[in-house]
Amino acid sequence: MMPAVPELATARLRMRGWRPGDFDDFAAVFSDEQHCRYIGASCTREEAWRRFAVTVGHWCLRGFGPWAVERLDTGVFVGSVGLWMPERWPELELGYWLSPGQLGHGFATEAAGAARDHAYRVLKRGRLVSFIHPDNLASQAVAARLGAVIEDTTVLKGIPCQRWRHPEPD
């Protein structure tokens, strides 16, 4: 049974559970080879459906997961931000990706800050990381704006990535 996904709001964004109607936007992101090179590579629509199902199912299995993010003013789909910890993942990760047309507005930082606050205040989690590809400068900038620092470099699913450690809650 699908748990109720808490809805979060920031000054400009709504973070909510995924809906069937979100799939077209989700699949469009993952069809763009250049744009999704740091979030698991491009894929077919059929493969995107499986990724979408995993994203939605993460909430059922863990009680937390990535939110669908939309603009409050227009309802336009922005991307996905939230908590990620599939089986054998080394630590609870704060992850984020945006649709190509939504970059450069500070949405990732805004939503990731809200997700991190939720993890600390509501879920009572005290340690979060973001695993970021060494070439993904935009994602590194978001992590740095949130106060995270590079802790080390590791390999996940055969890909080197930096482990950015977020500050613990006050």
C-alpha atoms as a PDB file:
ATOM      1  CA  MET A   1       0.000   0.000   0.000  1.00  0.00           C
ATOM      2  CA  MET A   2       1.325   3.419  -0.941  1.00  0.00           C
ATOM      3  CA  PRO A   3       2.080   5.578   2.092  1.00  0.00           C
ATOM      4  CA  ALA A   4       0.944   9.177   2.124  1.00  0.00           C
ATOM      5  CA  VAL A   5       3.777  11.245   0.705  1.00  0.00           C
ATOM      6  CA  PRO A   6       4.100  14.445   2.719  1.00  0.00           C
ATOM      7  CA  GLU A   7       3.757  17.598   0.667  1.00  0.00           C
ATOM      8  CA  LEU A   8       6.335  20.294   1.256  1.00  0.00           C
ATOM      9  CA  ALA A   9       6.206  23.864   0.054  1.00  0.00           C
ATOM     10  CA  THR A  10       8.934  26.450  -0.273  1.00  0.00           C
ATOM     11  CA  ALA A  11       8.631  30.060  -1.374  1.00  0.00           C
ATOM     12  CA  ARG A  12       8.385  29.018  -5.043  1.00  0.00           C
ATOM     13  CA  LEU A  13       7.962  25.244  -5.146  1.00  0.00           C
ATOM     14  CA  ARG A  14       5.629  22.395  -4.221  1.00  0.00           C
ATOM     15  CA  MET A  15       7.215  19.030  -3.454  1.00  0.00           C
ATOM     16  CA  ARG A  16       4.649  16.257  -3.722  1.00  0.00           C
ATOM     17  CA  GLY A  17       4.105  12.606  -4.423  1.00  0.00           C
ATOM     18  CA  TRP A  18       4.386  11.356  -7.971  1.00  0.00           C
ATOM     19  CA  ARG A  19       1.317  11.101 -10.205  1.00  0.00           C
ATOM     20  CA  PRO A  20       0.814   9.025 -13.360  1.00  0.00           C
ATOM     21  CA  GLY A  21       0.699  12.275 -15.344  1.00  0.00           C
ATOM     22  CA  ASP A  22       4.295  13.053 -14.303  1.00  0.00           C
ATOM     23  CA  PHE A  23       5.668  10.199 -16.354  1.00  0.00           C
ATOM     24  CA  ASP A  24       5.918  12.096 -19.645  1.00  0.00           C
ATOM     25  CA  ASP A  25       8.082  14.779 -18.013  1.00  0.00           C
ATOM     26  CA  PHE A  26      10.146  12.118 -16.235  1.00  0.00           C
ATOM     27  CA  ALA A  27      10.695  10.151 -19.443  1.00  0.00           C
ATOM     28  CA  ALA A  28      11.621  13.310 -21.359  1.00  0.00           C
ATOM     29  CA  VAL A  29      14.433  14.045 -18.916  1.00  0.00           C
ATOM     30  CA  PHE A  30      15.815  10.520 -19.187  1.00  0.00           C
ATOM     31  CA  SER A  31      15.636  10.528 -22.979  1.00  0.00           C
ATOM     32  CA  ASP A  32      18.125  13.425 -23.150  1.00  0.00           C
ATOM     33  CA  GLU A  33      21.580  11.833 -23.228  1.00  0.00           C
ATOM     34  CA  GLN A  34      23.527  15.016 -22.495  1.00  0.00           C
ATOM     35  CA  HIS A  35      21.231  16.275 -19.736  1.00  0.00           C
ATOM     36  CA  CYS A  36      21.027  13.038 -17.739  1.00  0.00           C
ATOM     37  CA  ARG A  37      24.657  11.935 -18.044  1.00  0.00           C
ATOM     38  CA  TYR A  38      25.126  12.378 -14.263  1.00  0.00           C
ATOM     39  CA  ILE A  39      21.829  10.829 -13.126  1.00  0.00           C
ATOM     40  CA  GLY A  40      22.068   7.328 -14.468  1.00  0.00           C
ATOM     41  CA  ALA A  41      22.414   7.892 -18.219  1.00  0.00           C
ATOM     42  CA  SER A  42      19.746   8.195 -20.872  1.00  0.00           C
ATOM     43  CA  CYS A  43      17.262   5.436 -21.503  1.00  0.00           C
ATOM     44  CA  THR A  44      14.295   4.381 -23.578  1.00  0.00           C
ATOM     45  CA  ARG A  45      10.750   5.214 -22.555  1.00  0.00           C
ATOM     46  CA  GLU A  46      10.290   1.600 -21.423  1.00  0.00           C
ATOM     47  CA  GLU A  47      13.395   1.811 -19.215  1.00  0.00           C
ATOM     48  CA  ALA A  48      12.231   5.201 -17.934  1.00  0.00           C
ATOM     49  CA  TRP A  49       8.988   3.546 -16.830  1.00  0.00           C
ATOM     50  CA  ARG A  50      10.984   1.133 -14.659  1.00  0.00           C
ATOM     51  CA  ARG A  51      12.980   4.017 -13.162  1.00  0.00           C
ATOM     52  CA  PHE A  52       9.749   5.892 -12.523  1.00  0.00           C
ATOM     53  CA  ALA A  53       8.275   2.828 -10.781  1.00  0.00           C
ATOM     54  CA  VAL A  54      11.409   2.498  -8.633  1.00  0.00           C
ATOM     55  CA  THR A  55      11.164   6.174  -7.681  1.00  0.00           C
ATOM     56  CA  VAL A  56       7.509   5.834  -6.675  1.00  0.00           C
ATOM     57  CA  GLY A  57       8.118   2.480  -4.973  1.00  0.00           C
ATOM     58  CA  HIS A  58      10.971   3.857  -2.887  1.00  0.00           C
ATOM     59  CA  TRP A  59       8.348   5.623  -0.766  1.00  0.00           C
ATOM     60  CA  CYS A  60       6.590   2.294  -0.098  1.00  0.00           C
ATOM     61  CA  LEU A  61       9.741   0.441   0.863  1.00  0.00           C
ATOM     62  CA  ARG A  62      11.553   3.130   2.846  1.00  0.00           C
ATOM     63  CA  GLY A  63       8.874   5.589   3.958  1.00  0.00           C
ATOM     64  CA  PHE A  64      10.788   8.383   2.231  1.00  0.00           C
ATOM     65  CA  GLY A  65      12.017   9.083  -1.257  1.00  0.00           C
ATOM     66  CA  PRO A  66      12.327  11.616  -4.034  1.00  0.00           C
ATOM     67  CA  TRP A  67       9.508  14.117  -4.466  1.00  0.00           C
ATOM     68  CA  ALA A  68       8.128  15.419  -7.735  1.00  0.00           C
ATOM     69  CA  VAL A  69       8.789  19.164  -7.709  1.00  0.00           C
ATOM     70  CA  GLU A  70       6.627  21.765  -9.419  1.00  0.00           C
ATOM     71  CA  ARG A  71       6.485  25.542  -9.508  1.00  0.00           C
ATOM     72  CA  LEU A  72       3.831  27.015  -7.216  1.00  0.00           C
ATOM     73  CA  ASP A  73       2.998  29.841  -9.617  1.00  0.00           C
ATOM     74  CA  THR A  74       2.495  27.778 -12.788  1.00  0.00           C
ATOM     75  CA  GLY A  75       2.346  24.110 -11.767  1.00  0.00           C
ATOM     76  CA  VAL A  76       5.137  23.400 -14.265  1.00  0.00           C
ATOM     77  CA  PHE A  77       7.188  20.284 -13.510  1.00  0.00           C
ATOM     78  CA  VAL A  78      10.653  21.277 -12.235  1.00  0.00           C
ATOM     79  CA  GLY A  79      12.301  17.950 -11.454  1.00  0.00           C
ATOM     80  CA  SER A  80      12.915  15.592  -8.577  1.00  0.00           C
ATOM     81  CA  VAL A  81      14.491  16.191  -5.189  1.00  0.00           C
ATOM     82  CA  GLY A  82      14.570  13.985  -2.143  1.00  0.00           C
ATOM     83  CA  LEU A  83      16.036  11.158  -0.169  1.00  0.00           C
ATOM     84  CA  TRP A  84      17.482   8.037  -1.735  1.00  0.00           C
ATOM     85  CA  MET A  85      18.685   4.800  -0.188  1.00  0.00           C
ATOM     86  CA  PRO A  86      18.182   1.727  -2.364  1.00  0.00           C
ATOM     87  CA  GLU A  87      19.480  -1.636  -1.235  1.00  0.00           C
ATOM     88  CA  ARG A  88      23.241  -1.660  -0.617  1.00  0.00           C
ATOM     89  CA  TRP A  89      23.513   2.121  -0.915  1.00  0.00           C
ATOM     90  CA  PRO A  90      26.249   3.218   1.480  1.00  0.00           C
ATOM     91  CA  GLU A  91      24.380   6.104   3.156  1.00  0.00           C
ATOM     92  CA  LEU A  92      21.194   8.106   3.038  1.00  0.00           C
ATOM     93  CA  GLU A  93      21.564  10.434   0.078  1.00  0.00           C
ATOM     94  CA  LEU A  94      20.022  13.797  -0.635  1.00  0.00           C
ATOM     95  CA  GLY A  95      19.650  13.760  -4.401  1.00  0.00           C
ATOM     96  CA  TYR A  96      18.309  16.178  -6.975  1.00  0.00           C
ATOM     97  CA  TRP A  97      17.817  16.604 -10.697  1.00  0.00           C
ATOM     98  CA  LEU A  98      15.925  19.201 -12.692  1.00  0.00           C
ATOM     99  CA  SER A  99      14.335  19.330 -16.098  1.00  0.00           C
ATOM    100  CA  PRO A 100      16.491  21.116 -18.680  1.00  0.00           C
ATOM    101  CA  GLY A 101      14.281  24.215 -18.845  1.00  0.00           C
ATOM    102  CA  GLN A 102      14.329  24.693 -15.067  1.00  0.00           C
ATOM    103  CA  LEU A 103      18.068  25.119 -14.520  1.00  0.00           C
ATOM    104  CA  GLY A 104      19.665  28.292 -13.225  1.00  0.00           C
ATOM    105  CA  HIS A 105      16.820  29.544 -11.024  1.00  0.00           C
ATOM    106  CA  GLY A 106      17.998  28.165  -7.679  1.00  0.00           C
ATOM    107  CA  PHE A 107      15.229  25.555  -7.596  1.00  0.00           C
ATOM    108  CA  ALA A 108      17.556  22.649  -6.748  1.00  0.00           C
ATOM    109  CA  THR A 109      19.025  24.474  -3.766  1.00  0.00           C
ATOM    110  CA  GLU A 110      15.597  25.585  -2.555  1.00  0.00           C
ATOM    111  CA  ALA A 111      14.017  22.139  -2.790  1.00  0.00           C
ATOM    112  CA  ALA A 112      17.061  20.259  -1.495  1.00  0.00           C
ATOM    113  CA  GLY A 113      17.146  22.519   1.557  1.00  0.00           C
ATOM    114  CA  ALA A 114      13.496  21.690   2.265  1.00  0.00           C
ATOM    115  CA  ALA A 115      14.121  17.957   1.786  1.00  0.00           C
ATOM    116  CA  ARG A 116      17.118  18.075   4.108  1.00  0.00           C
ATOM    117  CA  ASP A 117      15.117  19.953   6.763  1.00  0.00           C
ATOM    118  CA  HIS A 118      12.398  17.292   6.493  1.00  0.00           C
ATOM    119  CA  ALA A 119      14.977  14.527   6.933  1.00  0.00           C
ATOM    120  CA  TYR A 120      16.353  16.199  10.050  1.00  0.00           C
ATOM    121  CA  ARG A 121      13.148  17.449  11.706  1.00  0.00           C
ATOM    122  CA  VAL A 122      10.538  14.861  10.731  1.00  0.00           C
ATOM    123  CA  LEU A 123      12.521  11.704   9.997  1.00  0.00           C
ATOM    124  CA  LYS A 124      15.083  12.420  12.734  1.00  0.00           C
ATOM    125  CA  ARG A 125      17.988  11.589  10.442  1.00  0.00           C
ATOM    126  CA  GLY A 126      21.276  13.162  11.441  1.00  0.00           C
ATOM    127  CA  ARG A 127      23.610  12.405   8.554  1.00  0.00           C
ATOM    128  CA  LEU A 128      23.098  13.004   4.860  1.00  0.00           C
ATOM    129  CA  VAL A 129      25.388  12.871   1.862  1.00  0.00           C
ATOM    130  CA  SER A 130      25.135  13.703  -1.809  1.00  0.00           C
ATOM    131  CA  PHE A 131      27.083  11.504  -4.221  1.00  0.00           C
ATOM    132  CA  ILE A 132      28.173  13.730  -7.107  1.00  0.00           C
ATOM    133  CA  HIS A 133      30.142  12.969 -10.248  1.00  0.00           C
ATOM    134  CA  PRO A 134      33.467  14.881 -10.247  1.00  0.00           C
ATOM    135  CA  ASP A 135      32.494  16.637 -13.504  1.00  0.00           C
ATOM    136  CA  ASN A 136      29.036  17.729 -12.326  1.00  0.00           C
ATOM    137  CA  LEU A 137      29.899  21.292 -11.347  1.00  0.00           C
ATOM    138  CA  ALA A 138      26.277  22.446 -11.130  1.00  0.00           C
ATOM    139  CA  SER A 139      25.399  19.754  -8.581  1.00  0.00           C
ATOM    140  CA  GLN A 140      28.572  20.494  -6.637  1.00  0.00           C
ATOM    141  CA  ALA A 141      27.545  24.161  -6.484  1.00  0.00           C
ATOM    142  CA  VAL A 142      24.154  23.196  -5.035  1.00  0.00           C
ATOM    143  CA  ALA A 143      25.806  21.015  -2.382  1.00  0.00           C
ATOM    144  CA  ALA A 144      28.239  23.808  -1.492  1.00  0.00           C
ATOM    145  CA  ARG A 145      25.394  26.359  -1.193  1.00  0.00           C
ATOM    146  CA  LEU A 146      23.755  23.958   1.259  1.00  0.00           C
ATOM    147  CA  GLY A 147      26.934  23.867   3.341  1.00  0.00           C
ATOM    148  CA  ALA A 148      28.058  20.389   2.305  1.00  0.00           C
ATOM    149  CA  VAL A 149      31.764  19.625   1.904  1.00  0.00           C
ATOM    150  CA  ILE A 150      33.641  16.974  -0.038  1.00  0.00           C
ATOM    151  CA  GLU A 151      34.535  14.148   2.312  1.00  0.00           C
ATOM    152  CA  ASP A 152      36.129  11.672  -0.094  1.00  0.00           C
ATOM    153  CA  THR A 153      35.784   9.980  -3.456  1.00  0.00           C
ATOM    154  CA  THR A 154      34.114   6.608  -3.792  1.00  0.00           C
ATOM    155  CA  VAL A 155      32.804   4.347  -6.535  1.00  0.00           C
ATOM    156  CA  LEU A 156      29.079   3.624  -6.893  1.00  0.00           C
ATOM    157  CA  LYS A 157      27.863   1.197  -9.546  1.00  0.00           C
ATOM    158  CA  GLY A 158      31.275   1.378 -11.192  1.00  0.00           C
ATOM    159  CA  ILE A 159      31.303   5.185 -11.429  1.00  0.00           C
ATOM    160  CA  PRO A 160      33.631   7.421  -9.399  1.00  0.00           C
ATOM    161  CA  CYS A 161      31.831  10.083  -7.398  1.00  0.00           C
ATOM    162  CA  GLN A 162      32.521  12.535  -4.655  1.00  0.00           C
ATOM    163  CA  ARG A 163      30.826  12.075  -1.296  1.00  0.00           C
ATOM    164  CA  TRP A 164      29.598  15.487  -0.157  1.00  0.00           C
ATOM    165  CA  ARG A 165      28.738  15.505   3.558  1.00  0.00           C
ATOM    166  CA  HIS A 166      25.903  17.794   4.610  1.00  0.00           C
ATOM    167  CA  PRO A 167      26.123  19.607   7.935  1.00  0.00           C
ATOM    168  CA  GLU A 168      24.331  17.805  10.717  1.00  0.00           C
ATOM    169  CA  PRO A 169      21.218  19.364  12.242  1.00  0.00           C
ATOM    170  CA  ASP A 170      21.648  21.924  14.993  1.00  0.00           C
END
